[in-house]
């Protein structure tokens, strides 16, 4: 299992555990409670002990289910996943290439959040928000802003992804954006908590964003589809746009995401 990813994205890991394992957690808890109720009726003399054991078993069971779910989902972002070779070859636009494009088409790096507000007021950036094309994850080290061209490409990716799912008869999902614009101060903080983070990040130019390949937001009451299938469809969408020379894409194993920079 990719321990580095879990430690670097603890909130996402917990989200995955609860989101994908909620049903199992509820069922497990119900079974334990039922057993405790029966045991108390059969052995009323030991009801306090039985209840305490029941609470402990419930916590252990919920923890076990959560751990299993984290393992299953983060295996999509683990070095042990044999499919990584395929995607690493498909999407290997290295940092040097993406930085060059980011500098050419993006803004100058911003010192901190206060300076970012000035850039936002100037109209140089487009604010992102949850929409029909994508969902924004909770971001601790970036701001939901991109250049107009980058925002347009992001919307196109989300729209094409949904269209591709529909064409294949797959339940509708939205992509999840995990990182966008980073100030210099954000980069410094991130480097303290993430050993693979780099100081000269393309995210500093508002031309770059990360899309998770293990997290997807189901639309409406539709059922969740297999992560591997959704990832494959997303990869196909990105490959098409890359072939059209609209963006560069790097497959990030440790961060479990597609790292994307626009080319216009």
Protein backbone atom coordinates (compact mmCIF):
# COMPACT_ATOMS: atom_id res chain seq x y z
CA UNK A 1 0.00 0.00 0.00
CA UNK A 2 1.21 3.51 -0.74
CA UNK A 3 1.90 4.71 2.81
CA UNK A 4 3.42 7.95 1.54
CA UNK A 5 0.18 8.86 -0.20
CA UNK A 6 -1.88 8.15 2.92
CA UNK A 7 0.39 10.21 5.16
CA UNK A 8 0.46 13.09 2.67
CA UNK A 9 -3.29 12.97 2.05
CA UNK A 10 -4.70 11.83 5.38
CA UNK A 11 -7.99 13.70 4.91
CA UNK A 12 -8.50 12.09 1.51
CA UNK A 13 -7.65 8.67 2.90
CA UNK A 14 -10.20 9.04 5.71
CA UNK A 15 -12.74 10.35 3.21
CA UNK A 16 -12.26 7.27 1.06
CA UNK A 17 -12.55 4.95 4.03
CA UNK A 18 -15.83 6.48 5.20
CA UNK A 19 -17.27 7.21 1.79
CA UNK A 20 -16.66 3.79 0.28
CA UNK A 21 -16.97 1.75 3.46
CA UNK A 22 -19.97 3.43 5.10
CA UNK A 23 -22.38 0.62 4.23
CA UNK A 24 -20.05 -2.06 5.55
CA UNK A 25 -19.39 -0.02 8.70
CA UNK A 26 -23.11 0.33 9.38
CA UNK A 27 -23.78 -3.36 8.79
CA UNK A 28 -20.84 -4.40 10.98
CA UNK A 29 -21.98 -2.10 13.78
CA UNK A 30 -25.54 -3.42 13.56
CA UNK A 31 -24.34 -7.02 13.79
CA UNK A 32 -22.17 -6.28 16.84
CA UNK A 33 -25.05 -4.43 18.55
CA UNK A 34 -27.39 -7.35 17.87
CA UNK A 35 -24.89 -9.81 19.33
CA UNK A 36 -24.45 -7.62 22.40
CA UNK A 37 -28.21 -7.35 22.96
CA UNK A 38 -28.60 -11.12 22.73
CA UNK A 39 -25.60 -11.70 25.00
CA UNK A 40 -26.95 -9.30 27.64
CA UNK A 41 -30.28 -11.13 27.68
CA UNK A 42 -28.57 -14.48 28.00
CA UNK A 43 -26.05 -13.31 30.60
CA UNK A 44 -27.59 -10.29 32.41
CA UNK A 45 -25.12 -10.70 35.25
CA UNK A 46 -22.30 -9.61 32.94
CA UNK A 47 -24.11 -6.90 31.01
CA UNK A 48 -21.60 -4.15 31.85
CA UNK A 49 -18.68 -6.24 30.69
CA UNK A 50 -20.54 -7.36 27.58
CA UNK A 51 -21.42 -3.78 26.66
CA UNK A 52 -17.83 -2.66 27.07
CA UNK A 53 -16.64 -5.53 24.93
CA UNK A 54 -19.33 -4.62 22.40
CA UNK A 55 -18.09 -1.03 22.17
CA UNK A 56 -14.51 -2.24 21.75
CA UNK A 57 -15.49 -4.74 19.06
CA UNK A 58 -17.49 -2.07 17.23
CA UNK A 59 -14.52 0.29 17.18
CA UNK A 60 -12.17 -2.45 16.04
CA UNK A 61 -14.59 -3.58 13.32
CA UNK A 62 -15.09 -0.04 12.00
CA UNK A 63 -11.34 0.52 12.04
CA UNK A 64 -10.75 -2.76 10.17
CA UNK A 65 -13.33 -1.91 7.49
CA UNK A 66 -11.86 1.56 7.08
CA UNK A 67 -8.32 0.18 6.79
CA UNK A 68 -9.43 -2.31 4.15
CA UNK A 69 -11.16 0.41 2.15
CA UNK A 70 -8.14 2.69 2.33
CA UNK A 71 -5.98 -0.19 1.17
CA UNK A 72 -8.26 -1.05 -1.73
CA UNK A 73 -8.56 2.53 -2.97
CA UNK A 74 -4.96 3.62 -2.46
CA UNK A 75 -3.74 0.51 -4.28
CA UNK A 76 -4.76 2.52 -7.33
CA UNK A 77 -1.96 4.86 -6.27
CA UNK A 78 0.54 2.27 -5.13
CA UNK A 79 3.83 1.19 -6.62
CA UNK A 80 2.49 -2.36 -6.37
CA UNK A 81 -0.15 -1.68 -9.01
CA UNK A 82 1.09 -3.25 -12.28
CA UNK A 83 -1.03 -0.84 -14.36
CA UNK A 84 1.24 2.02 -13.31
CA UNK A 85 3.73 1.02 -15.99
CA UNK A 86 1.09 1.60 -18.67
CA UNK A 87 0.01 5.01 -17.41
CA UNK A 88 3.54 6.14 -16.60
CA UNK A 89 4.49 5.56 -20.22
CA UNK A 90 1.32 7.21 -21.58
CA UNK A 91 1.69 10.32 -19.45
CA UNK A 92 5.30 11.26 -18.87
CA UNK A 93 5.49 14.99 -19.56
CA UNK A 94 8.25 15.81 -17.10
CA UNK A 95 8.47 18.83 -14.83
CA UNK A 96 10.91 20.68 -17.11
CA UNK A 97 8.40 20.52 -19.97
CA UNK A 98 5.47 21.57 -17.82
CA UNK A 99 7.39 24.40 -16.15
CA UNK A 100 8.32 25.85 -19.54
CA UNK A 101 4.66 25.91 -20.60
CA UNK A 102 3.54 27.26 -17.22
CA UNK A 103 5.97 30.18 -17.43
CA UNK A 104 4.95 30.91 -21.02
CA UNK A 105 1.19 30.89 -20.55
CA UNK A 106 0.75 31.56 -16.84
CA UNK A 107 1.17 34.31 -14.28
CA UNK A 108 4.28 35.21 -12.32
CA UNK A 109 4.62 33.32 -9.02
CA UNK A 110 2.73 34.86 -6.11
CA UNK A 111 4.42 35.33 -2.74
CA UNK A 112 1.53 34.54 -0.39
CA UNK A 113 -2.24 34.51 0.05
CA UNK A 114 -2.37 38.29 0.57
CA UNK A 115 -0.58 38.86 -2.74
CA UNK A 116 -2.89 36.33 -4.36
CA UNK A 117 -5.85 38.53 -3.53
CA UNK A 118 -4.30 41.33 -5.56
CA UNK A 119 -3.91 39.03 -8.57
CA UNK A 120 -7.50 37.92 -8.18
CA UNK A 121 -8.76 41.52 -8.05
CA UNK A 122 -6.80 42.34 -11.21
CA UNK A 123 -8.88 39.83 -13.17
CA UNK A 124 -5.89 37.72 -14.17
CA UNK A 125 -7.44 34.61 -12.63
CA UNK A 126 -10.70 32.70 -12.88
CA UNK A 127 -12.25 31.34 -9.69
CA UNK A 128 -13.21 27.67 -9.67
CA UNK A 129 -16.21 26.20 -7.89
CA UNK A 130 -18.08 22.91 -7.87
CA UNK A 131 -20.03 22.52 -11.08
CA UNK A 132 -21.44 19.89 -13.44
CA UNK A 133 -17.98 19.20 -14.85
CA UNK A 134 -15.90 18.74 -11.70
CA UNK A 135 -15.79 18.81 -7.91
CA UNK A 136 -13.15 20.58 -5.85
CA UNK A 137 -11.57 18.61 -3.03
CA UNK A 138 -10.75 20.35 0.23
CA UNK A 139 -7.43 22.09 -0.41
CA UNK A 140 -4.96 22.97 2.30
CA UNK A 141 -2.08 24.06 0.10
CA UNK A 142 -3.67 25.71 -2.92
CA UNK A 143 -6.26 28.23 -4.01
CA UNK A 144 -9.14 27.49 -6.46
CA UNK A 145 -7.96 29.82 -9.21
CA UNK A 146 -6.57 29.29 -12.72
CA UNK A 147 -5.88 31.30 -15.83
CA UNK A 148 -8.86 31.51 -18.18
CA UNK A 149 -7.32 28.99 -20.60
CA UNK A 150 -6.51 26.52 -17.84
CA UNK A 151 -10.04 26.80 -16.43
CA UNK A 152 -11.40 26.15 -19.92
CA UNK A 153 -9.31 23.00 -20.33
CA UNK A 154 -10.36 21.75 -16.90
CA UNK A 155 -14.03 22.17 -17.83
CA UNK A 156 -13.40 20.39 -21.12
CA UNK A 157 -11.81 17.45 -19.34
CA UNK A 158 -14.76 17.17 -16.97
CA UNK A 159 -17.32 17.48 -19.76
CA UNK A 160 -15.56 14.97 -22.01
CA UNK A 161 -15.22 12.56 -19.10
CA UNK A 162 -18.95 12.63 -18.42
CA UNK A 163 -19.72 12.24 -22.13
CA UNK A 164 -17.38 9.25 -22.35
CA UNK A 165 -19.04 7.59 -19.37
CA UNK A 166 -22.47 8.15 -20.92
CA UNK A 167 -21.34 6.68 -24.25
CA UNK A 168 -20.16 3.56 -22.44
CA UNK A 169 -23.29 3.22 -20.33
CA UNK A 170 -21.35 3.86 -17.11
CA UNK A 171 -22.96 5.64 -14.16
CA UNK A 172 -22.31 9.37 -14.27
CA UNK A 173 -19.42 10.67 -12.17
CA UNK A 174 -17.51 13.93 -11.92
CA UNK A 175 -13.74 14.26 -11.72
CA UNK A 176 -12.24 15.55 -8.45
CA UNK A 177 -9.67 18.36 -8.57
CA UNK A 178 -7.21 18.08 -5.69
CA UNK A 179 -4.75 20.94 -6.28
CA UNK A 180 -4.68 24.20 -8.24
CA UNK A 181 -2.82 27.50 -7.73
CA UNK A 182 -0.08 27.54 -5.08
CA UNK A 183 1.65 30.61 -3.71
CA UNK A 184 5.33 30.45 -2.76
CA UNK A 185 4.26 30.25 0.88
CA UNK A 186 1.95 27.32 0.07
CA UNK A 187 4.80 25.49 -1.66
CA UNK A 188 7.09 25.95 1.35
CA UNK A 189 4.44 24.57 3.71
CA UNK A 190 3.74 21.65 1.40
CA UNK A 191 7.42 20.74 1.17
CA UNK A 192 7.53 20.36 4.94
CA UNK A 193 4.77 17.74 4.83
CA UNK A 194 5.37 16.12 1.45
CA UNK A 195 8.82 14.79 0.57
CA UNK A 196 8.08 14.65 -3.18
CA UNK A 197 6.92 18.28 -3.44
CA UNK A 198 9.21 20.59 -5.43
CA UNK A 199 9.96 24.28 -4.93
CA UNK A 200 9.80 25.17 -8.62
CA UNK A 201 6.22 23.99 -9.02
CA UNK A 202 4.15 24.60 -12.15
CA UNK A 203 1.20 25.19 -9.81
CA UNK A 204 2.71 28.60 -9.00
CA UNK A 205 1.73 29.89 -12.46
CA UNK A 206 -2.03 29.11 -12.30
CA UNK A 207 -1.78 26.96 -15.43
CA UNK A 208 -1.61 23.65 -13.63
CA UNK A 209 -4.04 21.46 -11.74
CA UNK A 210 -4.18 17.93 -10.33
CA UNK A 211 -7.05 15.50 -10.96
CA UNK A 212 -7.32 12.48 -8.69
CA UNK A 213 -7.47 9.09 -10.35
CA UNK A 214 -8.82 7.33 -7.27
CA UNK A 215 -11.59 9.78 -6.30
CA UNK A 216 -14.73 10.44 -8.34
CA UNK A 217 -18.00 12.11 -7.38
CA UNK A 218 -21.13 10.14 -8.35
CA UNK A 219 -23.92 12.28 -9.78
CA UNK A 220 -27.43 12.01 -8.37
CA UNK A 221 -28.45 8.66 -6.96
CA UNK A 222 -26.36 6.67 -9.41
CA UNK A 223 -24.26 3.78 -8.14
CA UNK A 224 -20.49 4.08 -7.89
CA UNK A 225 -18.56 2.45 -10.68
CA UNK A 226 -15.29 0.57 -10.40
CA UNK A 227 -12.35 2.91 -9.79
CA UNK A 228 -10.22 1.12 -12.37
CA UNK A 229 -12.87 1.64 -15.05
CA UNK A 230 -13.30 5.32 -14.24
CA UNK A 231 -9.55 5.81 -14.23
CA UNK A 232 -9.26 4.18 -17.66
CA UNK A 233 -11.96 6.44 -19.11
CA UNK A 234 -10.30 9.53 -17.62
CA UNK A 235 -6.95 8.46 -19.04
CA UNK A 236 -8.55 8.15 -22.48
CA UNK A 237 -9.97 11.67 -22.25
CA UNK A 238 -6.60 13.10 -21.20
CA UNK A 239 -4.78 11.21 -23.93
CA UNK A 240 -7.08 12.70 -26.58
CA UNK A 241 -6.54 16.26 -25.33
CA UNK A 242 -2.83 15.65 -25.09
CA UNK A 243 -2.78 14.45 -28.69
CA UNK A 244 -4.53 17.68 -29.63
CA UNK A 245 -1.62 19.49 -27.93
CA UNK A 246 -3.94 21.22 -25.49
CA UNK A 247 -2.14 20.06 -22.36
CA UNK A 248 0.77 18.21 -20.85
CA UNK A 249 0.08 15.33 -18.45
CA UNK A 250 2.24 13.62 -15.85
CA UNK A 251 1.08 10.47 -14.08
CA UNK A 252 1.86 10.94 -10.39
CA UNK A 253 2.04 7.67 -8.45
CA UNK A 254 2.79 9.08 -5.00
CA UNK A 255 0.08 11.74 -5.23
CA UNK A 256 -2.45 9.46 -6.95
CA UNK A 257 -3.27 12.08 -9.53
CA UNK A 258 -2.82 13.29 -13.11
CA UNK A 259 -0.68 16.44 -13.03
CA UNK A 260 -1.85 18.65 -15.91
CA UNK A 261 -0.51 21.89 -17.43
CA UNK A 262 -2.16 23.75 -20.32
CA UNK A 263 -0.29 24.42 -23.55
CA UNK A 264 -1.98 27.61 -24.68
